[in-house]
């Protein structure tokens, strides 16, 4: 999440998946202001996972930059343009109601 903050990602949410799903331990959801920023954020996350943890991530959606999914194994990262994130509201599917952001 530090990389996302440093790179000016917006509305960063970390969701604990332990006990909820076998696909990973954590999910991180964040927004970029444009397709270009979403793609750049994805590049930073992919490079950091590779250089610091020797993890080769699986990536979907980077070519379009609307919604990029980065699977590092234990952590799943979703990067969205704001309007795409609003449409899918993916964090609502996984967050405990008590942890959900207040409208």
PDB file of N, CA and C in Angstrom:
ATOM      1  N   UNK A   1       0.817  -1.202   0.000  1.00  0.00           N
ATOM      2  CA  UNK A   1       0.000   0.000   0.000  1.00  0.00           C
ATOM      3  C   UNK A   1       0.854   1.256   0.000  1.00  0.00           C
ATOM      4  N   UNK A   2       2.071   1.150   0.504  1.00  0.00           N
ATOM      5  CA  UNK A   2       2.961   2.308   0.502  1.00  0.00           C
ATOM      6  C   UNK A   2       3.219   2.778  -0.923  1.00  0.00           C
ATOM      7  N   UNK A   3       3.481   1.844  -1.818  1.00  0.00           N
ATOM      8  CA  UNK A   3       3.728   2.197  -3.213  1.00  0.00           C
ATOM      9  C   UNK A   3       2.521   2.918  -3.800  1.00  0.00           C
ATOM     10  N   UNK A   4       1.335   2.429  -3.531  1.00  0.00           N
ATOM     11  CA  UNK A   4       0.137   3.080  -4.045  1.00  0.00           C
ATOM     12  C   UNK A   4       0.004   4.495  -3.504  1.00  0.00           C
ATOM     13  N   UNK A   5       0.253   4.684  -2.228  1.00  0.00           N
ATOM     14  CA  UNK A   5       0.187   6.025  -1.624  1.00  0.00           C
ATOM     15  C   UNK A   5       1.229   6.948  -2.241  1.00  0.00           C
ATOM     16  N   UNK A   6       2.448   6.444  -2.378  1.00  0.00           N
ATOM     17  CA  UNK A   6       3.533   7.249  -2.948  1.00  0.00           C
ATOM     18  C   UNK A   6       3.240   7.659  -4.388  1.00  0.00           C
ATOM     19  N   UNK A   7       2.557   6.803  -5.115  1.00  0.00           N
ATOM     20  CA  UNK A   7       2.261   7.068  -6.520  1.00  0.00           C
ATOM     21  C   UNK A   7       0.929   7.781  -6.715  1.00  0.00           C
ATOM     22  N   UNK A   8       0.356   8.280  -5.632  1.00  0.00           N
ATOM     23  CA  UNK A   8      -0.859   9.110  -5.656  1.00  0.00           C
ATOM     24  C   UNK A   8      -2.126   8.353  -6.046  1.00  0.00           C
ATOM     25  N   UNK A   9      -2.193   7.065  -5.716  1.00  0.00           N
ATOM     26  CA  UNK A   9      -3.453   6.338  -5.886  1.00  0.00           C
ATOM     27  C   UNK A   9      -4.464   6.929  -4.902  1.00  0.00           C
ATOM     28  N   UNK A  10      -5.726   6.797  -5.223  1.00  0.00           N
ATOM     29  CA  UNK A  10      -6.780   7.372  -4.394  1.00  0.00           C
ATOM     30  C   UNK A  10      -7.661   6.282  -3.800  1.00  0.00           C
ATOM     31  N   UNK A  11      -8.284   6.600  -2.676  1.00  0.00           N
ATOM     32  CA  UNK A  11      -9.270   5.722  -2.030  1.00  0.00           C
ATOM     33  C   UNK A  11      -8.749   4.285  -1.872  1.00  0.00           C
ATOM     34  N   UNK A  12      -7.602   4.149  -1.253  1.00  0.00           N
ATOM     35  CA  UNK A  12      -6.971   2.844  -1.074  1.00  0.00           C
ATOM     36  C   UNK A  12      -7.653   2.095   0.071  1.00  0.00           C
ATOM     37  N   UNK A  13      -8.094   0.872  -0.218  1.00  0.00           N
ATOM     38  CA  UNK A  13      -8.776   0.040   0.774  1.00  0.00           C
ATOM     39  C   UNK A  13      -8.078  -1.316   0.824  1.00  0.00           C
ATOM     40  N   UNK A  14      -7.760  -1.770   2.023  1.00  0.00           N
ATOM     41  CA  UNK A  14      -7.184  -3.108   2.221  1.00  0.00           C
ATOM     42  C   UNK A  14      -8.251  -3.978   2.874  1.00  0.00           C
ATOM     43  N   UNK A  15      -8.467  -5.169   2.300  1.00  0.00           N
ATOM     44  CA  UNK A  15      -9.491  -6.083   2.793  1.00  0.00           C
ATOM     45  C   UNK A  15      -8.827  -7.400   3.182  1.00  0.00           C
ATOM     46  N   UNK A  16      -9.059  -7.830   4.408  1.00  0.00           N
ATOM     47  CA  UNK A  16      -8.533  -9.099   4.908  1.00  0.00           C
ATOM     48  C   UNK A  16      -9.413 -10.227   4.385  1.00  0.00           C
ATOM     49  N   UNK A  17      -8.846 -11.112   3.591  1.00  0.00           N
ATOM     50  CA  UNK A  17      -9.590 -12.225   3.001  1.00  0.00           C
ATOM     51  C   UNK A  17      -9.405 -13.533   3.758  1.00  0.00           C
ATOM     52  N   UNK A  18      -8.539 -13.521   4.759  1.00  0.00           N
ATOM     53  CA  UNK A  18      -8.275 -14.767   5.483  1.00  0.00           C
ATOM     54  C   UNK A  18      -9.572 -15.290   6.096  1.00  0.00           C
ATOM     55  N   UNK A  19      -9.859 -16.553   5.818  1.00  0.00           N
ATOM     56  CA  UNK A  19     -11.077 -17.164   6.310  1.00  0.00           C
ATOM     57  C   UNK A  19     -12.291 -16.908   5.431  1.00  0.00           C
ATOM     58  N   UNK A  20     -12.166 -16.029   4.427  1.00  0.00           N
ATOM     59  CA  UNK A  20     -13.267 -15.726   3.515  1.00  0.00           C
ATOM     60  C   UNK A  20     -13.065 -16.353   2.144  1.00  0.00           C
ATOM     61  N   UNK A  21     -11.787 -16.524   1.760  1.00  0.00           N
ATOM     62  CA  UNK A  21     -11.490 -17.000   0.418  1.00  0.00           C
ATOM     63  C   UNK A  21     -10.138 -17.685   0.400  1.00  0.00           C
ATOM     64  N   UNK A  22     -10.000 -18.641  -0.490  1.00  0.00           N
ATOM     65  CA  UNK A  22      -8.730 -19.339  -0.676  1.00  0.00           C
ATOM     66  C   UNK A  22      -7.858 -18.647  -1.721  1.00  0.00           C
ATOM     67  N   UNK A  23      -8.378 -17.635  -2.412  1.00  0.00           N
ATOM     68  CA  UNK A  23      -7.618 -17.019  -3.494  1.00  0.00           C
ATOM     69  C   UNK A  23      -6.471 -16.136  -3.029  1.00  0.00           C
ATOM     70  N   UNK A  24      -6.479 -15.712  -1.794  1.00  0.00           N
ATOM     71  CA  UNK A  24      -5.415 -14.876  -1.273  1.00  0.00           C
ATOM     72  C   UNK A  24      -5.705 -14.490   0.162  1.00  0.00           C
ATOM     73  N   UNK A  25      -4.724 -13.850   0.783  1.00  0.00           N
ATOM     74  CA  UNK A  25      -4.888 -13.404   2.162  1.00  0.00           C
ATOM     75  C   UNK A  25      -5.451 -11.985   2.259  1.00  0.00           C
ATOM     76  N   UNK A  26      -5.094 -11.156   1.288  1.00  0.00           N
ATOM     77  CA  UNK A  26      -5.535  -9.763   1.301  1.00  0.00           C
ATOM     78  C   UNK A  26      -5.920  -9.317  -0.097  1.00  0.00           C
ATOM     79  N   UNK A  27      -6.816  -8.349  -0.141  1.00  0.00           N
ATOM     80  CA  UNK A  27      -7.184  -7.681  -1.373  1.00  0.00           C
ATOM     81  C   UNK A  27      -6.974  -6.188  -1.147  1.00  0.00           C
ATOM     82  N   UNK A  28      -6.369  -5.549  -2.125  1.00  0.00           N
ATOM     83  CA  UNK A  28      -6.196  -4.104  -2.075  1.00  0.00           C
ATOM     84  C   UNK A  28      -6.945  -3.522  -3.266  1.00  0.00           C
ATOM     85  N   UNK A  29      -7.749  -2.507  -3.003  1.00  0.00           N
ATOM     86  CA  UNK A  29      -8.519  -1.835  -4.048  1.00  0.00           C
ATOM     87  C   UNK A  29      -8.125  -0.367  -4.014  1.00  0.00           C
ATOM     88  N   UNK A  30      -7.816   0.188  -5.196  1.00  0.00           N
ATOM     89  CA  UNK A  30      -7.426   1.599  -5.265  1.00  0.00           C
ATOM     90  C   UNK A  30      -7.860   2.169  -6.605  1.00  0.00           C
ATOM     91  N   UNK A  31      -7.877   3.486  -6.680  1.00  0.00           N
ATOM     92  CA  UNK A  31      -8.268   4.170  -7.913  1.00  0.00           C
ATOM     93  C   UNK A  31      -7.131   5.034  -8.431  1.00  0.00           C
ATOM     94  N   UNK A  32      -7.087   5.146  -9.750  1.00  0.00           N
ATOM     95  CA  UNK A  32      -6.225   6.104 -10.435  1.00  0.00           C
ATOM     96  C   UNK A  32      -7.133   7.063 -11.187  1.00  0.00           C
ATOM     97  N   UNK A  33      -6.663   8.254 -11.430  1.00  0.00           N
ATOM     98  CA  UNK A  33      -7.513   9.277 -12.035  1.00  0.00           C
ATOM     99  C   UNK A  33      -7.757   9.071 -13.532  1.00  0.00           C
ATOM    100  N   UNK A  34      -6.925   8.260 -14.181  1.00  0.00           N
ATOM    101  CA  UNK A  34      -7.050   8.061 -15.631  1.00  0.00           C
ATOM    102  C   UNK A  34      -6.528   6.673 -16.000  1.00  0.00           C
ATOM    103  N   UNK A  35      -6.784   6.266 -17.240  1.00  0.00           N
ATOM    104  CA  UNK A  35      -6.258   4.971 -17.688  1.00  0.00           C
ATOM    105  C   UNK A  35      -4.739   4.962 -17.622  1.00  0.00           C
ATOM    106  N   UNK A  36      -4.142   6.078 -17.942  1.00  0.00           N
ATOM    107  CA  UNK A  36      -2.676   6.184 -17.896  1.00  0.00           C
ATOM    108  C   UNK A  36      -2.154   5.983 -16.476  1.00  0.00           C
ATOM    109  N   UNK A  37      -2.789   6.612 -15.492  1.00  0.00           N
ATOM    110  CA  UNK A  37      -2.342   6.460 -14.117  1.00  0.00           C
ATOM    111  C   UNK A  37      -2.594   5.038 -13.610  1.00  0.00           C
ATOM    112  N   UNK A  38      -3.736   4.442 -13.963  1.00  0.00           N
ATOM    113  CA  UNK A  38      -4.019   3.064 -13.548  1.00  0.00           C
ATOM    114  C   UNK A  38      -2.935   2.128 -14.088  1.00  0.00           C
ATOM    115  N   UNK A  39      -2.579   2.287 -15.353  1.00  0.00           N
ATOM    116  CA  UNK A  39      -1.529   1.449 -15.945  1.00  0.00           C
ATOM    117  C   UNK A  39      -0.177   1.685 -15.286  1.00  0.00           C
ATOM    118  N   UNK A  40       0.132   2.939 -14.993  1.00  0.00           N
ATOM    119  CA  UNK A  40       1.405   3.262 -14.326  1.00  0.00           C
ATOM    120  C   UNK A  40       1.447   2.678 -12.912  1.00  0.00           C
ATOM    121  N   UNK A  41       0.335   2.761 -12.189  1.00  0.00           N
ATOM    122  CA  UNK A  41       0.269   2.158 -10.855  1.00  0.00           C
ATOM    123  C   UNK A  41       0.503   0.651 -10.949  1.00  0.00           C
ATOM    124  N   UNK A  42      -0.124   0.028 -11.937  1.00  0.00           N
ATOM    125  CA  UNK A  42       0.059  -1.419 -12.127  1.00  0.00           C
ATOM    126  C   UNK A  42       1.522  -1.742 -12.376  1.00  0.00           C
ATOM    127  N   UNK A  43       2.179  -0.965 -13.230  1.00  0.00           N
ATOM    128  CA  UNK A  43       3.600  -1.194 -13.511  1.00  0.00           C
ATOM    129  C   UNK A  43       4.435  -1.116 -12.239  1.00  0.00           C
ATOM    130  N   UNK A  44       4.159  -0.140 -11.402  1.00  0.00           N
ATOM    131  CA  UNK A  44       4.909   0.024 -10.148  1.00  0.00           C
ATOM    132  C   UNK A  44       4.710  -1.171  -9.218  1.00  0.00           C
ATOM    133  N   UNK A  45       3.476  -1.631  -9.081  1.00  0.00           N
ATOM    134  CA  UNK A  45       3.177  -2.766  -8.203  1.00  0.00           C
ATOM    135  C   UNK A  45       3.859  -4.032  -8.735  1.00  0.00           C
ATOM    136  N   UNK A  46       3.757  -4.262 -10.036  1.00  0.00           N
ATOM    137  CA  UNK A  46       4.369  -5.444 -10.649  1.00  0.00           C
ATOM    138  C   UNK A  46       5.877  -5.431 -10.443  1.00  0.00           C
ATOM    139  N   UNK A  47       6.495  -4.289 -10.693  1.00  0.00           N
ATOM    140  CA  UNK A  47       7.959  -4.178 -10.551  1.00  0.00           C
ATOM    141  C   UNK A  47       8.395  -4.349  -9.100  1.00  0.00           C
ATOM    142  N   UNK A  48       7.664  -3.748  -8.178  1.00  0.00           N
ATOM    143  CA  UNK A  48       8.021  -3.862  -6.765  1.00  0.00           C
ATOM    144  C   UNK A  48       7.882  -5.306  -6.276  1.00  0.00           C
ATOM    145  N   UNK A  49       6.834  -5.986  -6.681  1.00  0.00           N
ATOM    146  CA  UNK A  49       6.657  -7.395  -6.289  1.00  0.00           C
ATOM    147  C   UNK A  49       7.802  -8.241  -6.826  1.00  0.00           C
ATOM    148  N   UNK A  50       8.218  -7.936  -8.051  1.00  0.00           N
ATOM    149  CA  UNK A  50       9.309  -8.692  -8.673  1.00  0.00           C
ATOM    150  C   UNK A  50      10.651  -8.388  -8.014  1.00  0.00           C
ATOM    151  N   UNK A  51      10.950  -7.115  -7.804  1.00  0.00           N
ATOM    152  CA  UNK A  51      12.263  -6.739  -7.292  1.00  0.00           C
ATOM    153  C   UNK A  51      12.440  -6.984  -5.798  1.00  0.00           C
ATOM    154  N   UNK A  52      11.385  -6.796  -5.016  1.00  0.00           N
ATOM    155  CA  UNK A  52      11.515  -6.920  -3.568  1.00  0.00           C
ATOM    156  C   UNK A  52      11.136  -8.288  -3.026  1.00  0.00           C
ATOM    157  N   UNK A  53      10.232  -8.998  -3.707  1.00  0.00           N
ATOM    158  CA  UNK A  53       9.763 -10.284  -3.175  1.00  0.00           C
ATOM    159  C   UNK A  53       9.996 -11.435  -4.157  1.00  0.00           C
ATOM    160  N   UNK A  54      10.593 -11.115  -5.311  1.00  0.00           N
ATOM    161  CA  UNK A  54      10.837 -12.122  -6.344  1.00  0.00           C
ATOM    162  C   UNK A  54       9.545 -12.836  -6.751  1.00  0.00           C
ATOM    163  N   UNK A  55       8.447 -12.071  -6.802  1.00  0.00           N
ATOM    164  CA  UNK A  55       7.135 -12.596  -7.170  1.00  0.00           C
ATOM    165  C   UNK A  55       6.808 -12.122  -8.586  1.00  0.00           C
ATOM    166  N   UNK A  56       6.484 -13.063  -9.439  1.00  0.00           N
ATOM    167  CA  UNK A  56       6.063 -12.741 -10.790  1.00  0.00           C
ATOM    168  C   UNK A  56       4.541 -12.767 -10.819  1.00  0.00           C
ATOM    169  N   UNK A  57       3.951 -11.598 -10.909  1.00  0.00           N
ATOM    170  CA  UNK A  57       2.507 -11.422 -10.788  1.00  0.00           C
ATOM    171  C   UNK A  57       1.780 -11.799 -12.068  1.00  0.00           C
ATOM    172  N   UNK A  58       0.566 -12.298 -11.903  1.00  0.00           N
ATOM    173  CA  UNK A  58      -0.352 -12.476 -13.028  1.00  0.00           C
ATOM    174  C   UNK A  58      -1.160 -11.195 -13.136  1.00  0.00           C
ATOM    175  N   UNK A  59      -1.324 -10.728 -14.354  1.00  0.00           N
ATOM    176  CA  UNK A  59      -1.956  -9.422 -14.569  1.00  0.00           C
ATOM    177  C   UNK A  59      -3.040  -9.547 -15.638  1.00  0.00           C
ATOM    178  N   UNK A  60      -4.171  -8.907 -15.377  1.00  0.00           N
ATOM    179  CA  UNK A  60      -5.283  -8.840 -16.333  1.00  0.00           C
ATOM    180  C   UNK A  60      -5.724  -7.391 -16.475  1.00  0.00           C
ATOM    181  N   UNK A  61      -6.034  -6.974 -17.696  1.00  0.00           N
ATOM    182  CA  UNK A  61      -6.653  -5.679 -17.937  1.00  0.00           C
ATOM    183  C   UNK A  61      -5.712  -4.499 -18.104  1.00  0.00           C
ATOM    184  N   UNK A  62      -4.404  -4.716 -18.067  1.00  0.00           N
ATOM    185  CA  UNK A  62      -3.476  -3.594 -18.131  1.00  0.00           C
ATOM    186  C   UNK A  62      -3.537  -2.850 -19.467  1.00  0.00           C
ATOM    187  N   UNK A  63      -3.832  -3.566 -20.535  1.00  0.00           N
ATOM    188  CA  UNK A  63      -3.865  -2.938 -21.863  1.00  0.00           C
ATOM    189  C   UNK A  63      -4.919  -1.838 -21.969  1.00  0.00           C
ATOM    190  N   UNK A  64      -6.061  -2.017 -21.288  1.00  0.00           N
ATOM    191  CA  UNK A  64      -7.117  -1.007 -21.368  1.00  0.00           C
ATOM    192  C   UNK A  64      -7.018   0.033 -20.259  1.00  0.00           C
ATOM    193  N   UNK A  65      -6.539  -0.355 -19.079  1.00  0.00           N
ATOM    194  CA  UNK A  65      -6.340   0.594 -17.993  1.00  0.00           C
ATOM    195  C   UNK A  65      -7.591   1.033 -17.265  1.00  0.00           C
ATOM    196  N   UNK A  66      -8.723   0.378 -17.520  1.00  0.00           N
ATOM    197  CA  UNK A  66      -9.945   0.713 -16.785  1.00  0.00           C
ATOM    198  C   UNK A  66      -9.988  -0.019 -15.446  1.00  0.00           C
ATOM    199  N   UNK A  67      -9.628  -1.298 -15.469  1.00  0.00           N
ATOM    200  CA  UNK A  67      -9.605  -2.145 -14.281  1.00  0.00           C
ATOM    201  C   UNK A  67      -8.454  -3.122 -14.462  1.00  0.00           C
ATOM    202  N   UNK A  68      -7.453  -3.004 -13.637  1.00  0.00           N
ATOM    203  CA  UNK A  68      -6.309  -3.902 -13.697  1.00  0.00           C
ATOM    204  C   UNK A  68      -6.307  -4.770 -12.450  1.00  0.00           C
ATOM    205  N   UNK A  69      -6.204  -6.072 -12.663  1.00  0.00           N
ATOM    206  CA  UNK A  69      -6.105  -7.026 -11.571  1.00  0.00           C
ATOM    207  C   UNK A  69      -4.678  -7.560 -11.551  1.00  0.00           C
ATOM    208  N   UNK A  70      -4.045  -7.482 -10.376  1.00  0.00           N
ATOM    209  CA  UNK A  70      -2.690  -7.991 -10.196  1.00  0.00           C
ATOM    210  C   UNK A  70      -2.747  -9.045  -9.099  1.00  0.00           C
ATOM    211  N   UNK A  71      -2.390 -10.266  -9.451  1.00  0.00           N
ATOM    212  CA  UNK A  71      -2.412 -11.386  -8.511  1.00  0.00           C
ATOM    213  C   UNK A  71      -0.973 -11.735  -8.154  1.00  0.00           C
ATOM    214  N   UNK A  72      -0.593 -11.441  -6.919  1.00  0.00           N
ATOM    215  CA  UNK A  72       0.764 -11.746  -6.465  1.00  0.00           C
ATOM    216  C   UNK A  72       0.809 -13.035  -5.653  1.00  0.00           C
ATOM    217  N   UNK A  73      -0.305 -13.719  -5.568  1.00  0.00           N
ATOM    218  CA  UNK A  73      -0.391 -14.945  -4.774  1.00  0.00           C
ATOM    219  C   UNK A  73      -1.138 -14.687  -3.486  1.00  0.00           C
ATOM    220  N   UNK A  74      -0.485 -14.074  -2.520  1.00  0.00           N
ATOM    221  CA  UNK A  74      -1.124 -13.783  -1.232  1.00  0.00           C
ATOM    222  C   UNK A  74      -1.954 -12.503  -1.250  1.00  0.00           C
ATOM    223  N   UNK A  75      -1.612 -11.598  -2.166  1.00  0.00           N
ATOM    224  CA  UNK A  75      -2.310 -10.309  -2.241  1.00  0.00           C
ATOM    225  C   UNK A  75      -2.847 -10.118  -3.655  1.00  0.00           C
ATOM    226  N   UNK A  76      -4.124  -9.766  -3.727  1.00  0.00           N
ATOM    227  CA  UNK A  76      -4.778  -9.452  -4.996  1.00  0.00           C
ATOM    228  C   UNK A  76      -4.982  -7.940  -5.014  1.00  0.00           C
ATOM    229  N   UNK A  77      -4.521  -7.274  -6.063  1.00  0.00           N
ATOM    230  CA  UNK A  77      -4.652  -5.826  -6.173  1.00  0.00           C
ATOM    231  C   UNK A  77      -5.579  -5.503  -7.333  1.00  0.00           C
ATOM    232  N   UNK A  78      -6.584  -4.679  -7.057  1.00  0.00           N
ATOM    233  CA  UNK A  78      -7.505  -4.186  -8.083  1.00  0.00           C
ATOM    234  C   UNK A  78      -7.285  -2.684  -8.211  1.00  0.00           C
ATOM    235  N   UNK A  79      -6.968  -2.232  -9.417  1.00  0.00           N
ATOM    236  CA  UNK A  79      -6.795  -0.812  -9.691  1.00  0.00           C
ATOM    237  C   UNK A  79      -7.856  -0.391 -10.693  1.00  0.00           C
ATOM    238  N   UNK A  80      -8.571   0.666 -10.380  1.00  0.00           N
ATOM    239  CA  UNK A  80      -9.702   1.109 -11.197  1.00  0.00           C
ATOM    240  C   UNK A  80      -9.601   2.584 -11.548  1.00  0.00           C
ATOM    241  N   UNK A  81     -10.245   2.953 -12.656  1.00  0.00           N
ATOM    242  CA  UNK A  81     -10.625   4.348 -12.846  1.00  0.00           C
ATOM    243  C   UNK A  81     -11.840   4.550 -11.946  1.00  0.00           C
ATOM    244  N   UNK A  82     -12.051   5.735 -11.380  1.00  0.00           N
ATOM    245  CA  UNK A  82     -13.118   5.945 -10.402  1.00  0.00           C
ATOM    246  C   UNK A  82     -14.510   5.515 -10.859  1.00  0.00           C
ATOM    247  N   UNK A  83     -14.887   5.843 -12.100  1.00  0.00           N
ATOM    248  CA  UNK A  83     -16.239   5.494 -12.544  1.00  0.00           C
ATOM    249  C   UNK A  83     -16.419   3.988 -12.726  1.00  0.00           C
ATOM    250  N   UNK A  84     -15.362   3.287 -13.083  1.00  0.00           N
ATOM    251  CA  UNK A  84     -15.429   1.826 -13.205  1.00  0.00           C
ATOM    252  C   UNK A  84     -15.534   1.207 -11.803  1.00  0.00           C
ATOM    253  N   UNK A  85     -14.779   1.748 -10.873  1.00  0.00           N
ATOM    254  CA  UNK A  85     -14.852   1.261  -9.492  1.00  0.00           C
ATOM    255  C   UNK A  85     -16.239   1.480  -8.903  1.00  0.00           C
ATOM    256  N   UNK A  86     -16.821   2.653  -9.158  1.00  0.00           N
ATOM    257  CA  UNK A  86     -18.177   2.934  -8.671  1.00  0.00           C
ATOM    258  C   UNK A  86     -19.186   1.954  -9.258  1.00  0.00           C
ATOM    259  N   UNK A  87     -19.010   1.598 -10.521  1.00  0.00           N
ATOM    260  CA  UNK A  87     -19.935   0.685 -11.174  1.00  0.00           C
ATOM    261  C   UNK A  87     -19.877  -0.709 -10.555  1.00  0.00           C
ATOM    262  N   UNK A  88     -18.673  -1.258 -10.364  1.00  0.00           N
ATOM    263  CA  UNK A  88     -18.535  -2.632  -9.874  1.00  0.00           C
ATOM    264  C   UNK A  88     -18.626  -2.762  -8.349  1.00  0.00           C
ATOM    265  N   UNK A  89     -18.206  -1.746  -7.628  1.00  0.00           N
ATOM    266  CA  UNK A  89     -18.265  -1.741  -6.163  1.00  0.00           C
ATOM    267  C   UNK A  89     -17.744  -3.054  -5.562  1.00  0.00           C
ATOM    268  N   UNK A  90     -16.581  -3.470  -6.026  1.00  0.00           N
ATOM    269  CA  UNK A  90     -16.034  -4.773  -5.648  1.00  0.00           C
ATOM    270  C   UNK A  90     -15.755  -4.892  -4.152  1.00  0.00           C
ATOM    271  N   UNK A  91     -15.372  -3.811  -3.517  1.00  0.00           N
ATOM    272  CA  UNK A  91     -15.070  -3.925  -2.087  1.00  0.00           C
ATOM    273  C   UNK A  91     -16.299  -4.254  -1.253  1.00  0.00           C
ATOM    274  N   UNK A  92     -17.472  -3.872  -1.722  1.00  0.00           N
ATOM    275  CA  UNK A  92     -18.701  -4.191  -0.982  1.00  0.00           C
ATOM    276  C   UNK A  92     -18.949  -5.695  -0.912  1.00  0.00           C
ATOM    277  N   UNK A  93     -18.467  -6.436  -1.909  1.00  0.00           N
ATOM    278  CA  UNK A  93     -18.638  -7.894  -1.908  1.00  0.00           C
ATOM    279  C   UNK A  93     -17.794  -8.575  -0.838  1.00  0.00           C
ATOM    280  N   UNK A  94     -16.670  -7.957  -0.481  1.00  0.00           N
ATOM    281  CA  UNK A  94     -15.694  -8.625   0.378  1.00  0.00           C
ATOM    282  C   UNK A  94     -15.548  -8.030   1.762  1.00  0.00           C
ATOM    283  N   UNK A  95     -15.938  -6.773   1.954  1.00  0.00           N
ATOM    284  CA  UNK A  95     -15.743  -6.126   3.244  1.00  0.00           C
ATOM    285  C   UNK A  95     -16.827  -6.524   4.238  1.00  0.00           C
ATOM    286  N   UNK A  96     -16.442  -6.581   5.489  1.00  0.00           N
ATOM    287  CA  UNK A  96     -17.433  -6.727   6.545  1.00  0.00           C
ATOM    288  C   UNK A  96     -18.226  -5.426   6.596  1.00  0.00           C
ATOM    289  N   UNK A  97     -19.535  -5.492   6.810  1.00  0.00           N
ATOM    290  CA  UNK A  97     -20.343  -4.275   6.826  1.00  0.00           C
ATOM    291  C   UNK A  97     -19.838  -3.222   7.816  1.00  0.00           C
ATOM    292  N   UNK A  98     -19.289  -3.645   8.940  1.00  0.00           N
ATOM    293  CA  UNK A  98     -18.792  -2.695   9.940  1.00  0.00           C
ATOM    294  C   UNK A  98     -17.578  -1.934   9.436  1.00  0.00           C
ATOM    295  N   UNK A  99     -16.822  -2.516   8.477  1.00  0.00           N
ATOM    296  CA  UNK A  99     -15.608  -1.873   7.948  1.00  0.00           C
ATOM    297  C   UNK A  99     -15.861  -1.048   6.706  1.00  0.00           C
ATOM    298  N   UNK A 100     -17.044  -1.144   6.124  1.00  0.00           N
ATOM    299  CA  UNK A 100     -17.351  -0.458   4.875  1.00  0.00           C
ATOM    300  C   UNK A 100     -17.322   1.057   5.074  1.00  0.00           C
ATOM    301  N   UNK A 101     -16.834   1.792   4.058  1.00  0.00           N
ATOM    302  CA  UNK A 101     -16.840   3.255   4.156  1.00  0.00           C
ATOM    303  C   UNK A 101     -18.268   3.780   4.272  1.00  0.00           C
ATOM    304  N   UNK A 102     -18.431   4.807   5.039  1.00  0.00           N
ATOM    305  CA  UNK A 102     -19.743   5.430   5.234  1.00  0.00           C
ATOM    306  C   UNK A 102     -20.012   6.392   4.082  1.00  0.00           C
ATOM    307  N   UNK A 103     -21.226   6.360   3.551  1.00  0.00           N
ATOM    308  CA  UNK A 103     -21.584   7.240   2.418  1.00  0.00           C
ATOM    309  C   UNK A 103     -21.897   8.634   2.892  1.00  0.00           C
TER     310      UNK A 103
END
